[in-house]
Amino acid sequence: MTSLAIGPDDRARCAWVGDDAEYRRYHDEEWGTPLHGDRALFEKMALEGFQAGLSWITILRKRPRFREVFAGFDIRTVAEFDESDVERLMADVGIIRNRAKIEATIGNARIVREMPDGALDELMWSFAPASWTRPATLLDVAAVTPESTAMSTELRRRGFRFVGPTTMYALMQSTGMVDDHVVGCWRG
């Protein structure tokens, strides 16, 4: 398995990027960059939950529509969604129409709404490892870690849904809580 790929700009990137321009932009500008803020982390949690069982590029391509129909992932607004909003979202072909994931996003917003400002950020980042060694190859990238398992356990204890250990590890990677850009990637 090749761990690096050379892009059209002659930069070495993590090979999972492939030839897709949107994946390349995401890798270069977002993935692995420290992300903070309750709204931003709530959005990432929701999108990672919607991604479960699908490819991330599917979510990236649908993200603009997700942002539209979920009110920019404004926590207070989403927490007020009701059954008519669930039905509206179920009818929207521009997003992933999974009732359980839609209801989980609304329920998760209600939990975050009850937390003090900044508490989601503080909680999630408390699981970031104190030190991290970048993987040498893609084969060295974990799917689950003790930290993602602990984060998942705590979030579930608080009532959050679609926050399993694998999903939370993907969130940790994408939000820069861990740096899984393989050695040799220009982002490293």
Protein backbone atom coordinates (compact mmCIF):
# COMPACT_ATOMS: atom_id res chain seq x y z
CA MET A 1 0.00 0.00 0.00
CA THR A 2 1.36 3.38 -1.01
CA SER A 3 1.18 5.93 1.80
CA LEU A 4 1.96 9.05 -0.22
CA ALA A 5 0.74 10.36 -3.55
CA ILE A 6 2.20 13.22 -5.55
CA GLY A 7 -0.47 15.71 -6.56
CA PRO A 8 -0.69 17.82 -9.71
CA ASP A 9 1.18 20.56 -7.78
CA ASP A 10 4.06 18.10 -7.12
CA ARG A 11 3.29 17.99 -3.38
CA ALA A 12 3.41 14.69 -1.51
CA ARG A 13 0.12 14.04 0.31
CA CYS A 14 -1.45 11.23 2.29
CA ALA A 15 -2.43 8.72 -0.40
CA TRP A 16 -6.09 8.54 0.72
CA VAL A 17 -6.58 11.90 -1.02
CA GLY A 18 -6.31 10.27 -4.44
CA ASP A 19 -7.07 12.47 -7.47
CA ASP A 20 -10.17 14.20 -6.14
CA ALA A 21 -9.79 18.00 -6.05
CA GLU A 22 -12.23 18.41 -3.12
CA TYR A 23 -10.43 15.74 -1.10
CA ARG A 24 -7.12 17.48 -1.88
CA ARG A 25 -8.51 20.84 -0.70
CA TYR A 26 -9.94 19.23 2.46
CA HIS A 27 -6.64 17.48 3.21
CA ASP A 28 -4.60 20.62 2.61
CA GLU A 29 -6.82 23.15 4.37
CA GLU A 30 -8.85 21.31 7.03
CA TRP A 31 -7.93 17.75 7.93
CA GLY A 32 -5.63 17.64 10.92
CA THR A 33 -5.86 21.38 11.58
CA PRO A 34 -6.79 22.14 15.21
CA LEU A 35 -10.48 23.04 15.31
CA HIS A 36 -12.07 24.70 18.32
CA GLY A 37 -15.46 26.09 19.26
CA ASP A 38 -18.68 24.41 20.29
CA ARG A 39 -20.48 25.14 17.01
CA ALA A 40 -17.60 23.93 14.85
CA LEU A 41 -17.14 20.75 16.90
CA PHE A 42 -20.89 20.12 16.99
CA GLU A 43 -20.95 20.35 13.18
CA LYS A 44 -18.02 17.96 12.92
CA MET A 45 -19.68 15.54 15.36
CA ALA A 46 -22.90 15.63 13.34
CA LEU A 47 -21.18 15.16 9.98
CA GLU A 48 -18.99 12.35 11.29
CA GLY A 49 -22.17 10.68 12.56
CA PHE A 50 -23.82 11.04 9.15
CA GLN A 51 -20.68 9.60 7.57
CA ALA A 52 -20.92 6.31 9.48
CA GLY A 53 -21.13 3.59 6.85
CA LEU A 54 -20.39 5.98 3.98
CA SER A 55 -17.33 7.62 2.45
CA TRP A 56 -16.18 11.00 3.74
CA ILE A 57 -16.15 12.45 0.22
CA THR A 58 -19.92 11.87 0.10
CA ILE A 59 -20.29 14.03 3.20
CA LEU A 60 -17.91 16.69 1.90
CA ARG A 61 -19.92 17.02 -1.29
CA LYS A 62 -23.15 17.29 0.68
CA ARG A 63 -21.75 19.54 3.42
CA PRO A 64 -23.00 22.83 1.91
CA ARG A 65 -26.55 21.48 1.87
CA PHE A 66 -26.18 20.04 5.38
CA ARG A 67 -25.14 23.49 6.55
CA GLU A 68 -28.17 25.07 4.87
CA VAL A 69 -30.77 22.69 6.25
CA PHE A 70 -29.22 22.48 9.72
CA ALA A 71 -29.11 26.28 10.11
CA GLY A 72 -25.32 26.44 9.91
CA PHE A 73 -25.24 23.90 12.76
CA ASP A 74 -26.27 26.63 15.17
CA ILE A 75 -26.71 24.59 18.33
CA ARG A 76 -29.67 26.50 19.76
CA THR A 77 -31.54 26.49 16.45
CA VAL A 78 -31.00 22.78 15.80
CA ALA A 79 -32.00 21.99 19.40
CA GLU A 80 -35.41 23.56 18.65
CA PHE A 81 -36.06 21.35 15.60
CA ASP A 82 -39.23 19.29 15.95
CA GLU A 83 -40.93 16.44 14.10
CA SER A 84 -41.85 18.71 11.18
CA ASP A 85 -38.14 19.50 10.80
CA VAL A 86 -37.31 15.80 10.88
CA GLU A 87 -39.84 15.23 8.07
CA ARG A 88 -38.44 18.21 6.11
CA LEU A 89 -34.94 16.79 6.44
CA MET A 90 -36.09 13.28 5.50
CA ALA A 91 -37.46 14.71 2.25
CA ASP A 92 -34.27 16.61 1.35
CA VAL A 93 -32.34 14.71 -1.33
CA GLY A 94 -29.31 16.94 -0.78
CA ILE A 95 -28.38 15.28 2.53
CA ILE A 96 -28.14 11.77 3.96
CA ARG A 97 -31.77 10.91 4.71
CA ASN A 98 -31.36 8.65 7.72
CA ARG A 99 -33.97 9.28 10.41
CA ALA A 100 -31.84 7.91 13.24
CA LYS A 101 -28.91 10.17 12.29
CA ILE A 102 -31.16 13.22 11.88
CA GLU A 103 -32.82 12.60 15.24
CA ALA A 104 -29.42 12.00 16.86
CA THR A 105 -28.14 15.34 15.54
CA ILE A 106 -31.14 17.15 17.01
CA GLY A 107 -30.83 15.27 20.29
CA ASN A 108 -27.10 15.96 20.46
CA ALA A 109 -27.79 19.67 19.91
CA ARG A 110 -30.20 19.61 22.85
CA ILE A 111 -27.49 18.12 25.07
CA VAL A 112 -24.90 20.70 23.98
CA ARG A 113 -27.41 23.53 24.45
CA GLU A 114 -27.62 22.62 28.16
CA MET A 115 -23.84 22.73 28.58
CA PRO A 116 -22.02 25.98 29.46
CA ASP A 117 -20.48 27.82 26.52
CA GLY A 118 -17.17 26.24 25.61
CA ALA A 119 -17.88 23.03 27.48
CA LEU A 120 -18.16 20.82 24.39
CA ASP A 121 -14.81 22.11 23.13
CA GLU A 122 -13.21 21.58 26.53
CA LEU A 123 -14.71 18.11 26.90
CA MET A 124 -13.69 16.86 23.46
CA TRP A 125 -10.19 18.30 23.58
CA SER A 126 -9.65 16.76 27.02
CA PHE A 127 -9.29 13.42 25.21
CA ALA A 128 -6.52 14.59 22.87
CA PRO A 129 -3.33 12.70 23.67
CA ALA A 130 -0.59 14.71 25.34
CA SER A 131 1.90 13.60 22.69
CA TRP A 132 1.54 11.98 19.31
CA THR A 133 3.82 10.30 16.81
CA ARG A 134 2.82 10.72 13.20
CA PRO A 135 2.30 7.43 11.39
CA ALA A 136 5.09 6.26 9.09
CA THR A 137 2.61 4.66 6.68
CA LEU A 138 -1.14 4.45 6.19
CA LEU A 139 -0.96 0.95 7.66
CA ASP A 140 0.12 2.59 10.94
CA VAL A 141 -3.04 4.70 11.18
CA ALA A 142 -5.40 3.39 13.83
CA ALA A 143 -9.17 3.16 13.47
CA VAL A 144 -9.77 3.30 17.23
CA THR A 145 -7.55 4.39 20.10
CA PRO A 146 -7.92 4.31 23.88
CA GLU A 147 -8.57 8.08 23.71
CA SER A 148 -11.33 7.78 21.10
CA THR A 149 -12.89 4.96 23.10
CA ALA A 150 -12.80 7.07 26.27
CA MET A 151 -14.30 10.05 24.42
CA SER A 152 -17.05 7.87 22.99
CA THR A 153 -17.80 6.36 26.39
CA GLU A 154 -18.10 9.77 28.04
CA LEU A 155 -20.22 11.24 25.25
CA ARG A 156 -22.55 8.23 25.34
CA ARG A 157 -22.76 8.51 29.13
CA ARG A 158 -24.03 12.05 28.60
CA GLY A 159 -26.65 10.85 26.11
CA PHE A 160 -24.96 11.63 22.78
CA ARG A 161 -25.66 9.27 19.88
CA PHE A 162 -23.67 8.25 16.77
CA VAL A 163 -20.45 8.88 18.66
CA GLY A 164 -18.82 5.45 18.56
CA PRO A 165 -15.07 5.02 19.06
CA THR A 166 -14.29 4.79 15.33
CA THR A 167 -16.42 7.84 14.55
CA MET A 168 -14.77 9.76 17.37
CA TYR A 169 -11.31 8.78 16.14
CA ALA A 170 -12.20 10.15 12.70
CA LEU A 171 -13.29 13.35 14.46
CA MET A 172 -10.01 13.47 16.39
CA GLN A 173 -8.09 13.16 13.12
CA SER A 174 -10.11 15.77 11.26
CA THR A 175 -10.03 18.31 14.10
CA GLY A 176 -6.30 18.05 14.73
CA MET A 177 -6.57 16.34 18.11
CA VAL A 178 -4.16 13.84 16.57
CA ASP A 179 -1.87 14.34 13.57
CA ASP A 180 -2.25 11.39 11.23
CA HIS A 181 -0.61 13.00 8.21
CA VAL A 182 1.86 10.28 7.28
CA VAL A 183 5.57 11.00 7.44
CA GLY A 184 6.56 12.69 4.20
CA CYS A 185 3.24 14.45 3.68
CA TRP A 186 3.81 18.14 3.02
CA ARG A 187 1.32 18.98 5.80
CA GLY A 188 3.57 17.41 8.42
